[in-house]
Amino acid sequence: MDAILLLLAIRSILTMADRIVTQLKPLGKEAEAAKARNAFTSKFAVIKTLRDVTIHYDAYAIGIGQKQDLIIDHDEGLGVMEDEVGYINVASAGHRVKVLEAATAALDLSRALTEMFWRKVLRP
């Protein structure tokens, strides 16, 4: 259960990243923040899919989730497991992520974006 909550927290950080980029756009200072966000999302693109399946599991469980085309394995439900080398993975529908690796990267992203935002907003 903790791994699922961690997945949701990681997605929340990505939402924060989108908002910071949006807030910096009118100042013309969004490039650095967008680059940091995009680097994270390119490595952990599956986070959004796994979050959507987690939040809307009731719909996906009976085959009516909105993004059925993203499902790789219709027989794999939402789960948390430890792989052969000890990494904790969140998985669903054929997608999986090493949740502690993603969480560490998300915390780094959060710190960097928070610093970027306040530095750019407070300095002309």
Protein backbone atom coordinates (compact mmCIF):
# COMPACT_ATOMS: atom_id res chain seq x y z
CA MET A 1 0.00 0.00 0.00
CA ASP A 2 2.83 2.42 0.81
CA ALA A 3 4.25 1.94 -2.68
CA ILE A 4 0.91 2.90 -4.24
CA LEU A 5 0.77 6.06 -2.11
CA LEU A 6 4.33 6.84 -3.14
CA LEU A 7 3.30 6.48 -6.78
CA LEU A 8 0.52 9.03 -6.23
CA ALA A 9 2.93 11.41 -4.49
CA ILE A 10 5.36 11.15 -7.42
CA ARG A 11 2.57 12.06 -9.83
CA SER A 12 1.70 15.02 -7.62
CA ILE A 13 5.27 16.28 -8.00
CA LEU A 14 4.87 16.04 -11.78
CA THR A 15 1.70 18.12 -11.54
CA MET A 16 3.68 20.68 -9.53
CA ALA A 17 6.36 20.65 -12.23
CA ASP A 18 3.75 21.41 -14.92
CA ARG A 19 2.41 24.29 -12.85
CA ILE A 20 5.85 25.77 -12.25
CA VAL A 21 6.59 25.69 -15.99
CA THR A 22 3.23 27.35 -16.66
CA GLN A 23 3.87 30.05 -14.05
CA LEU A 24 7.33 30.83 -15.44
CA LYS A 25 6.14 31.13 -19.06
CA PRO A 26 4.85 34.73 -18.82
CA LEU A 27 8.27 35.70 -17.45
CA GLY A 28 10.04 33.91 -20.31
CA LYS A 29 11.94 31.84 -17.73
CA GLU A 30 10.43 28.39 -18.17
CA ALA A 31 13.14 26.68 -20.26
CA GLU A 32 15.26 25.36 -17.39
CA ALA A 33 12.23 24.08 -15.46
CA ALA A 34 10.75 22.47 -18.58
CA LYS A 35 14.05 20.76 -19.32
CA ALA A 36 14.21 19.29 -15.79
CA ARG A 37 10.57 18.14 -15.95
CA ASN A 38 11.03 16.62 -19.40
CA ALA A 39 14.15 14.73 -18.33
CA PHE A 40 12.19 13.13 -15.51
CA THR A 41 9.14 12.32 -17.62
CA SER A 42 11.22 10.79 -20.39
CA LYS A 43 12.80 8.37 -17.91
CA PHE A 44 9.62 7.70 -15.88
CA ALA A 45 6.88 8.22 -18.47
CA VAL A 46 4.96 5.25 -17.08
CA ILE A 47 4.21 7.12 -13.82
CA LYS A 48 1.20 8.92 -15.33
CA THR A 49 -0.22 5.69 -16.77
CA LEU A 50 0.22 3.83 -13.49
CA ARG A 51 -1.33 6.70 -11.54
CA ASP A 52 -4.33 6.79 -13.87
CA VAL A 53 -4.88 3.06 -13.53
CA THR A 54 -4.52 3.33 -9.72
CA ILE A 55 -7.00 6.18 -9.35
CA HIS A 56 -9.47 4.68 -11.84
CA TYR A 57 -8.84 1.02 -10.98
CA ASP A 58 -12.57 0.38 -10.67
CA ALA A 59 -13.03 1.24 -14.36
CA TYR A 60 -9.92 -0.58 -15.62
CA ALA A 61 -10.81 -3.71 -13.62
CA ILE A 62 -13.95 -4.14 -15.72
CA GLY A 63 -12.42 -2.98 -19.01
CA ILE A 64 -13.84 0.53 -19.29
CA GLY A 65 -10.83 2.69 -18.36
CA GLN A 66 -10.39 5.57 -20.80
CA LYS A 67 -6.93 4.57 -22.05
CA GLN A 68 -7.45 0.91 -22.95
CA ASP A 69 -4.92 1.31 -25.79
CA LEU A 70 -2.10 1.66 -23.25
CA ILE A 71 -2.73 -1.77 -21.77
CA ILE A 72 0.00 -4.23 -22.70
CA ASP A 73 -1.15 -7.16 -20.56
CA HIS A 74 -4.89 -7.41 -19.87
CA ASP A 75 -4.28 -10.22 -17.35
CA GLU A 76 -2.03 -8.17 -15.03
CA GLY A 77 -3.89 -6.23 -12.35
CA LEU A 78 -2.49 -3.46 -10.18
CA GLY A 79 0.16 -4.74 -7.82
CA VAL A 80 3.32 -4.14 -5.87
CA MET A 81 6.10 -6.69 -5.98
CA GLU A 82 9.77 -7.14 -5.31
CA ASP A 83 11.81 -8.18 -8.33
CA GLU A 84 14.65 -10.70 -8.44
CA VAL A 85 17.27 -8.15 -7.35
CA GLY A 86 15.18 -6.62 -4.56
CA TYR A 87 13.68 -3.55 -6.23
CA ILE A 88 10.11 -2.67 -5.29
CA ASN A 89 7.98 -2.30 -8.41
CA VAL A 90 4.48 -0.98 -8.94
CA ALA A 91 2.94 -2.72 -11.94
CA SER A 92 -0.29 -2.83 -13.86
CA ALA A 93 -1.37 -3.89 -17.33
CA GLY A 94 2.19 -4.73 -18.37
CA HIS A 95 3.72 -1.44 -17.16
CA ARG A 96 6.07 -1.28 -14.20
CA VAL A 97 8.29 1.19 -12.43
CA LYS A 98 10.94 0.88 -9.75
CA VAL A 99 9.06 3.05 -7.33
CA LEU A 100 11.92 3.96 -4.95
CA GLU A 101 14.15 4.97 -7.87
CA ALA A 102 11.34 7.11 -9.28
CA ALA A 103 10.63 8.63 -5.85
CA THR A 104 14.26 9.61 -5.34
CA ALA A 105 14.34 11.23 -8.78
CA ALA A 106 11.02 12.98 -8.08
CA LEU A 107 12.33 14.44 -4.82
CA ASP A 108 15.42 15.70 -6.65
CA LEU A 109 13.14 17.22 -9.29
CA SER A 110 10.95 18.83 -6.64
CA ARG A 111 13.91 20.44 -4.88
CA ALA A 112 15.40 21.68 -8.14
CA LEU A 113 12.13 23.10 -9.46
CA THR A 114 11.26 24.80 -6.19
CA GLU A 115 14.65 26.49 -6.16
CA MET A 116 14.37 27.42 -9.86
CA PHE A 117 10.89 28.86 -9.37
CA TRP A 118 11.70 31.08 -6.43
CA ARG A 119 15.04 32.18 -7.86
CA LYS A 120 13.40 33.15 -11.14
CA VAL A 121 10.32 34.80 -9.60
CA LEU A 122 12.27 36.85 -7.07
CA ARG A 123 14.98 38.00 -9.44
CA PRO A 124 14.17 40.34 -12.33
